[in-house]
PDB file of N, CA and C in Angstrom:
ATOM      1  N   MET A   1     -17.915  79.085  -2.953  1.00  0.00           N
ATOM      2  CA  MET A   1     -16.957  78.369  -2.135  1.00  0.00           C
ATOM      3  C   MET A   1     -16.486  79.268  -1.006  1.00  0.00           C
ATOM      4  N   THR A   2     -16.247  78.651   0.126  1.00  0.00           N
ATOM      5  CA  THR A   2     -15.722  79.415   1.249  1.00  0.00           C
ATOM      6  C   THR A   2     -14.216  79.602   1.072  1.00  0.00           C
ATOM      7  N   ALA A   3     -13.665  80.530   1.822  1.00  0.00           N
ATOM      8  CA  ALA A   3     -12.222  80.755   1.762  1.00  0.00           C
ATOM      9  C   ALA A   3     -11.466  79.482   2.140  1.00  0.00           C
ATOM     10  N   GLU A   4     -11.977  78.746   3.102  1.00  0.00           N
ATOM     11  CA  GLU A   4     -11.337  77.498   3.514  1.00  0.00           C
ATOM     12  C   GLU A   4     -11.367  76.459   2.386  1.00  0.00           C
ATOM     13  N   GLN A   5     -12.488  76.356   1.687  1.00  0.00           N
ATOM     14  CA  GLN A   5     -12.587  75.421   0.561  1.00  0.00           C
ATOM     15  C   GLN A   5     -11.610  75.802  -0.550  1.00  0.00           C
ATOM     16  N   ILE A   6     -11.471  77.090  -0.802  1.00  0.00           N
ATOM     17  CA  ILE A   6     -10.547  77.553  -1.841  1.00  0.00           C
ATOM     18  C   ILE A   6      -9.119  77.200  -1.450  1.00  0.00           C
ATOM     19  N   ARG A   7      -8.756  77.450  -0.190  1.00  0.00           N
ATOM     20  CA  ARG A   7      -7.408  77.086   0.273  1.00  0.00           C
ATOM     21  C   ARG A   7      -7.185  75.585   0.152  1.00  0.00           C
ATOM     22  N   HIS A   8      -8.192  74.797   0.524  1.00  0.00           N
ATOM     23  CA  HIS A   8      -8.084  73.340   0.443  1.00  0.00           C
ATOM     24  C   HIS A   8      -7.900  72.906  -1.017  1.00  0.00           C
ATOM     25  N   ALA A   9      -8.681  73.467  -1.916  1.00  0.00           N
ATOM     26  CA  ALA A   9      -8.572  73.128  -3.332  1.00  0.00           C
ATOM     27  C   ALA A   9      -7.182  73.474  -3.859  1.00  0.00           C
ATOM     28  N   ARG A  10      -6.691  74.658  -3.518  1.00  0.00           N
ATOM     29  CA  ARG A  10      -5.357  75.069  -3.974  1.00  0.00           C
ATOM     30  C   ARG A  10      -4.285  74.118  -3.450  1.00  0.00           C
ATOM     31  N   ASP A  11      -4.410  73.728  -2.188  1.00  0.00           N
ATOM     32  CA  ASP A  11      -3.449  72.802  -1.597  1.00  0.00           C
ATOM     33  C   ASP A  11      -3.488  71.463  -2.334  1.00  0.00           C
ATOM     34  N   LEU A  12      -4.688  70.952  -2.558  1.00  0.00           N
ATOM     35  CA  LEU A  12      -4.826  69.665  -3.246  1.00  0.00           C
ATOM     36  C   LEU A  12      -4.308  69.733  -4.677  1.00  0.00           C
ATOM     37  N   LEU A  13      -4.466  70.873  -5.321  1.00  0.00           N
ATOM     38  CA  LEU A  13      -4.025  71.022  -6.709  1.00  0.00           C
ATOM     39  C   LEU A  13      -2.512  71.047  -6.853  1.00  0.00           C
ATOM     40  N   THR A  14      -1.790  71.251  -5.772  1.00  0.00           N
ATOM     41  CA  THR A  14      -0.326  71.233  -5.846  1.00  0.00           C
ATOM     42  C   THR A  14       0.203  69.809  -5.942  1.00  0.00           C
ATOM     43  N   ARG A  15      -0.637  68.828  -5.686  1.00  0.00           N
ATOM     44  CA  ARG A  15      -0.238  67.423  -5.728  1.00  0.00           C
ATOM     45  C   ARG A  15      -0.641  66.829  -7.072  1.00  0.00           C
ATOM     46  N   PRO A  16       0.316  66.325  -7.828  1.00  0.00           N
ATOM     47  CA  PRO A  16       0.037  65.868  -9.198  1.00  0.00           C
ATOM     48  C   PRO A  16      -0.964  64.720  -9.295  1.00  0.00           C
ATOM     49  N   GLU A  17      -1.149  63.953  -8.239  1.00  0.00           N
ATOM     50  CA  GLU A  17      -2.092  62.831  -8.312  1.00  0.00           C
ATOM     51  C   GLU A  17      -3.556  63.278  -8.242  1.00  0.00           C
ATOM     52  N   ASN A  18      -3.798  64.527  -7.854  1.00  0.00           N
ATOM     53  CA  ASN A  18      -5.166  65.040  -7.758  1.00  0.00           C
ATOM     54  C   ASN A  18      -5.596  65.688  -9.070  1.00  0.00           C
ATOM     55  N   THR A  19      -6.860  65.499  -9.412  1.00  0.00           N
ATOM     56  CA  THR A  19      -7.416  66.137 -10.601  1.00  0.00           C
ATOM     57  C   THR A  19      -8.462  67.157 -10.188  1.00  0.00           C
ATOM     58  N   VAL A  20      -8.767  68.057 -11.089  1.00  0.00           N
ATOM     59  CA  VAL A  20      -9.813  69.044 -10.815  1.00  0.00           C
ATOM     60  C   VAL A  20     -11.134  68.315 -10.532  1.00  0.00           C
ATOM     61  N   SER A  21     -11.406  67.268 -11.289  1.00  0.00           N
ATOM     62  CA  SER A  21     -12.648  66.509 -11.092  1.00  0.00           C
ATOM     63  C   SER A  21     -12.711  65.874  -9.701  1.00  0.00           C
ATOM     64  N   SER A  22     -11.611  65.274  -9.270  1.00  0.00           N
ATOM     65  CA  SER A  22     -11.631  64.612  -7.962  1.00  0.00           C
ATOM     66  C   SER A  22     -11.757  65.627  -6.829  1.00  0.00           C
ATOM     67  N   ILE A  23     -11.127  66.761  -6.990  1.00  0.00           N
ATOM     68  CA  ILE A  23     -11.213  67.804  -5.964  1.00  0.00           C
ATOM     69  C   ILE A  23     -12.622  68.385  -5.925  1.00  0.00           C
ATOM     70  N   ALA A  24     -13.210  68.598  -7.090  1.00  0.00           N
ATOM     71  CA  ALA A  24     -14.587  69.105  -7.146  1.00  0.00           C
ATOM     72  C   ALA A  24     -15.540  68.135  -6.446  1.00  0.00           C
ATOM     73  N   ARG A  25     -15.380  66.841  -6.714  1.00  0.00           N
ATOM     74  CA  ARG A  25     -16.230  65.837  -6.045  1.00  0.00           C
ATOM     75  C   ARG A  25     -16.044  65.886  -4.536  1.00  0.00           C
ATOM     76  N   LEU A  26     -14.800  65.957  -4.094  1.00  0.00           N
ATOM     77  CA  LEU A  26     -14.494  65.996  -2.671  1.00  0.00           C
ATOM     78  C   LEU A  26     -15.144  67.198  -1.984  1.00  0.00           C
ATOM     79  N   LEU A  27     -15.100  68.340  -2.649  1.00  0.00           N
ATOM     80  CA  LEU A  27     -15.647  69.565  -2.067  1.00  0.00           C
ATOM     81  C   LEU A  27     -17.135  69.757  -2.333  1.00  0.00           C
ATOM     82  N   GLY A  28     -17.719  68.891  -3.162  1.00  0.00           N
ATOM     83  CA  GLY A  28     -19.146  68.993  -3.447  1.00  0.00           C
ATOM     84  C   GLY A  28     -19.508  70.158  -4.347  1.00  0.00           C
ATOM     85  N   VAL A  29     -18.592  70.489  -5.260  1.00  0.00           N
ATOM     86  CA  VAL A  29     -18.844  71.572  -6.207  1.00  0.00           C
ATOM     87  C   VAL A  29     -18.564  71.059  -7.617  1.00  0.00           C
ATOM     88  N   SER A  30     -18.885  71.867  -8.604  1.00  0.00           N
ATOM     89  CA  SER A  30     -18.621  71.468  -9.989  1.00  0.00           C
ATOM     90  C   SER A  30     -17.187  71.834 -10.380  1.00  0.00           C
ATOM     91  N   ARG A  31     -16.727  71.218 -11.470  1.00  0.00           N
ATOM     92  CA  ARG A  31     -15.400  71.550 -11.991  1.00  0.00           C
ATOM     93  C   ARG A  31     -15.334  73.031 -12.360  1.00  0.00           C
ATOM     94  N   SER A  32     -16.422  73.540 -12.938  1.00  0.00           N
ATOM     95  CA  SER A  32     -16.421  74.949 -13.348  1.00  0.00           C
ATOM     96  C   SER A  32     -16.287  75.879 -12.140  1.00  0.00           C
ATOM     97  N   THR A  33     -16.807  75.452 -10.993  1.00  0.00           N
ATOM     98  CA  THR A  33     -16.655  76.259  -9.776  1.00  0.00           C
ATOM     99  C   THR A  33     -15.194  76.302  -9.350  1.00  0.00           C
ATOM    100  N   ILE A  34     -14.503  75.172  -9.453  1.00  0.00           N
ATOM    101  CA  ILE A  34     -13.073  75.149  -9.127  1.00  0.00           C
ATOM    102  C   ILE A  34     -12.335  76.123 -10.055  1.00  0.00           C
ATOM    103  N   TYR A  35     -12.616  76.052 -11.356  1.00  0.00           N
ATOM    104  CA  TYR A  35     -11.958  76.952 -12.310  1.00  0.00           C
ATOM    105  C   TYR A  35     -12.303  78.417 -12.029  1.00  0.00           C
ATOM    106  N   LYS A  36     -13.498  78.678 -11.564  1.00  0.00           N
ATOM    107  CA  LYS A  36     -13.907  80.055 -11.260  1.00  0.00           C
ATOM    108  C   LYS A  36     -13.108  80.619 -10.089  1.00  0.00           C
ATOM    109  N   TYR A  37     -12.920  79.808  -9.047  1.00  0.00           N
ATOM    110  CA  TYR A  37     -12.255  80.287  -7.839  1.00  0.00           C
ATOM    111  C   TYR A  37     -10.744  80.093  -7.848  1.00  0.00           C
ATOM    112  N   VAL A  38     -10.237  79.325  -8.796  1.00  0.00           N
ATOM    113  CA  VAL A  38      -8.789  79.139  -8.944  1.00  0.00           C
ATOM    114  C   VAL A  38      -8.458  79.466 -10.407  1.00  0.00           C
ATOM    115  N   PRO A  39      -8.546  80.742 -10.777  1.00  0.00           N
ATOM    116  CA  PRO A  39      -8.446  81.135 -12.183  1.00  0.00           C
ATOM    117  C   PRO A  39      -7.107  80.813 -12.831  1.00  0.00           C
ATOM    118  N   GLU A  40      -6.038  80.650 -12.058  1.00  0.00           N
ATOM    119  CA  GLU A  40      -4.758  80.338 -12.677  1.00  0.00           C
ATOM    120  C   GLU A  40      -4.751  78.964 -13.342  1.00  0.00           C
ATOM    121  N   LEU A  41      -5.715  78.118 -13.023  1.00  0.00           N
ATOM    122  CA  LEU A  41      -5.844  76.824 -13.697  1.00  0.00           C
ATOM    123  C   LEU A  41      -6.118  76.997 -15.179  1.00  0.00           C
ATOM    124  N   ALA A  42      -6.937  77.958 -15.518  1.00  0.00           N
ATOM    125  CA  ALA A  42      -7.312  78.182 -16.916  1.00  0.00           C
ATOM    126  C   ALA A  42      -6.129  78.663 -17.748  1.00  0.00           C
ATOM    127  N   SER A  43      -5.183  79.350 -17.100  1.00  0.00           N
ATOM    128  CA  SER A  43      -4.036  79.872 -17.838  1.00  0.00           C
ATOM    129  C   SER A  43      -2.916  78.850 -17.967  1.00  0.00           C
ATOM    130  N   GLY A  44      -3.059  77.726 -17.268  1.00  0.00           N
ATOM    131  CA  GLY A  44      -2.043  76.689 -17.343  1.00  0.00           C
ATOM    132  C   GLY A  44      -0.869  76.908 -16.411  1.00  0.00           C
ATOM    133  N   ARG A  45      -0.922  77.992 -15.622  1.00  0.00           N
ATOM    134  CA  ARG A  45       0.151  78.230 -14.658  1.00  0.00           C
ATOM    135  C   ARG A  45      -0.004  77.263 -13.491  1.00  0.00           C
ATOM    136  N   PRO A  46       1.111  76.806 -12.914  1.00  0.00           N
ATOM    137  CA  PRO A  46       0.994  75.916 -11.763  1.00  0.00           C
ATOM    138  C   PRO A  46       0.399  76.648 -10.564  1.00  0.00           C
ATOM    139  N   VAL A  47      -0.355  75.927  -9.771  1.00  0.00           N
ATOM    140  CA  VAL A  47      -0.952  76.506  -8.572  1.00  0.00           C
ATOM    141  C   VAL A  47       0.110  76.517  -7.490  1.00  0.00           C
ATOM    142  N   VAL A  48       0.338  77.691  -6.906  1.00  0.00           N
ATOM    143  CA  VAL A  48       1.329  77.836  -5.843  1.00  0.00           C
ATOM    144  C   VAL A  48       0.607  78.243  -4.585  1.00  0.00           C
ATOM    145  N   VAL A  49       0.817  77.482  -3.527  1.00  0.00           N
ATOM    146  CA  VAL A  49       0.209  77.796  -2.238  1.00  0.00           C
ATOM    147  C   VAL A  49       1.210  78.621  -1.455  1.00  0.00           C
ATOM    148  N   GLN A  50       0.772  79.786  -0.998  1.00  0.00           N
ATOM    149  CA  GLN A  50       1.644  80.644  -0.214  1.00  0.00           C
ATOM    150  C   GLN A  50       1.833  80.049   1.173  1.00  0.00           C
ATOM    151  N   PRO A  51       3.065  79.987   1.679  1.00  0.00           N
ATOM    152  CA  PRO A  51       3.276  79.434   3.013  1.00  0.00           C
ATOM    153  C   PRO A  51       2.617  80.314   4.067  1.00  0.00           C
ATOM    154  N   THR A  52       2.131  79.669   5.105  1.00  0.00           N
ATOM    155  CA  THR A  52       1.505  80.389   6.200  1.00  0.00           C
ATOM    156  C   THR A  52       2.604  80.983   7.070  1.00  0.00           C
ATOM    157  N   ALA A  53       2.380  82.192   7.538  1.00  0.00           N
ATOM    158  CA  ALA A  53       3.367  82.838   8.399  1.00  0.00           C
ATOM    159  C   ALA A  53       3.588  82.005   9.652  1.00  0.00           C
ATOM    160  N   ARG A  54       4.814  81.913  10.097  1.00  0.00           N
ATOM    161  CA  ARG A  54       5.166  81.088  11.255  1.00  0.00           C
ATOM    162  C   ARG A  54       4.368  81.488  12.487  1.00  0.00           C
ATOM    163  N   ALA A  55       4.147  82.776  12.692  1.00  0.00           N
ATOM    164  CA  ALA A  55       3.399  83.254  13.858  1.00  0.00           C
ATOM    165  C   ALA A  55       1.984  82.705  13.871  1.00  0.00           C
ATOM    166  N   GLU A  56       1.408  82.454  12.703  1.00  0.00           N
ATOM    167  CA  GLU A  56       0.051  81.911  12.638  1.00  0.00           C
ATOM    168  C   GLU A  56       0.030  80.448  13.022  1.00  0.00           C
ATOM    169  N   LEU A  57       1.159  79.758  12.880  1.00  0.00           N
ATOM    170  CA  LEU A  57       1.214  78.338  13.174  1.00  0.00           C
ATOM    171  C   LEU A  57       1.490  78.037  14.633  1.00  0.00           C
ATOM    172  N   GLU A  58       2.136  78.973  15.315  1.00  0.00           N
ATOM    173  CA  GLU A  58       2.531  78.730  16.697  1.00  0.00           C
ATOM    174  C   GLU A  58       1.658  79.548  17.642  1.00  0.00           C
ATOM    175  N   PRO A  59       0.859  78.857  18.472  1.00  0.00           N
ATOM    176  CA  PRO A  59       0.014  79.577  19.432  1.00  0.00           C
ATOM    177  C   PRO A  59       0.879  80.368  20.402  1.00  0.00           C
ATOM    178  N   GLY A  60       0.416  81.543  20.738  1.00  0.00           N
ATOM    179  CA  GLY A  60       1.109  82.359  21.702  1.00  0.00           C
ATOM    180  C   GLY A  60       2.293  83.123  21.159  1.00  0.00           C
ATOM    181  N   SER A  61       2.476  83.111  19.858  1.00  0.00           N
ATOM    182  CA  SER A  61       3.617  83.835  19.264  1.00  0.00           C
ATOM    183  C   SER A  61       3.260  85.272  19.046  1.00  0.00           C
TER     184      SER A  61
END
């Protein structure tokens, strides 16, 4: 998985209506690949997406 796909998967996993299976289908990978790249899923800890720094969001900052 690319870094962008991993970020996308993590973002989608923060929403309770999404499942690992649906995200895997969307990204064109297997469920086991999602678990491999998002290891906190296996431990049962909630997936937390780190906020992007404000400077990265605003061009010219």
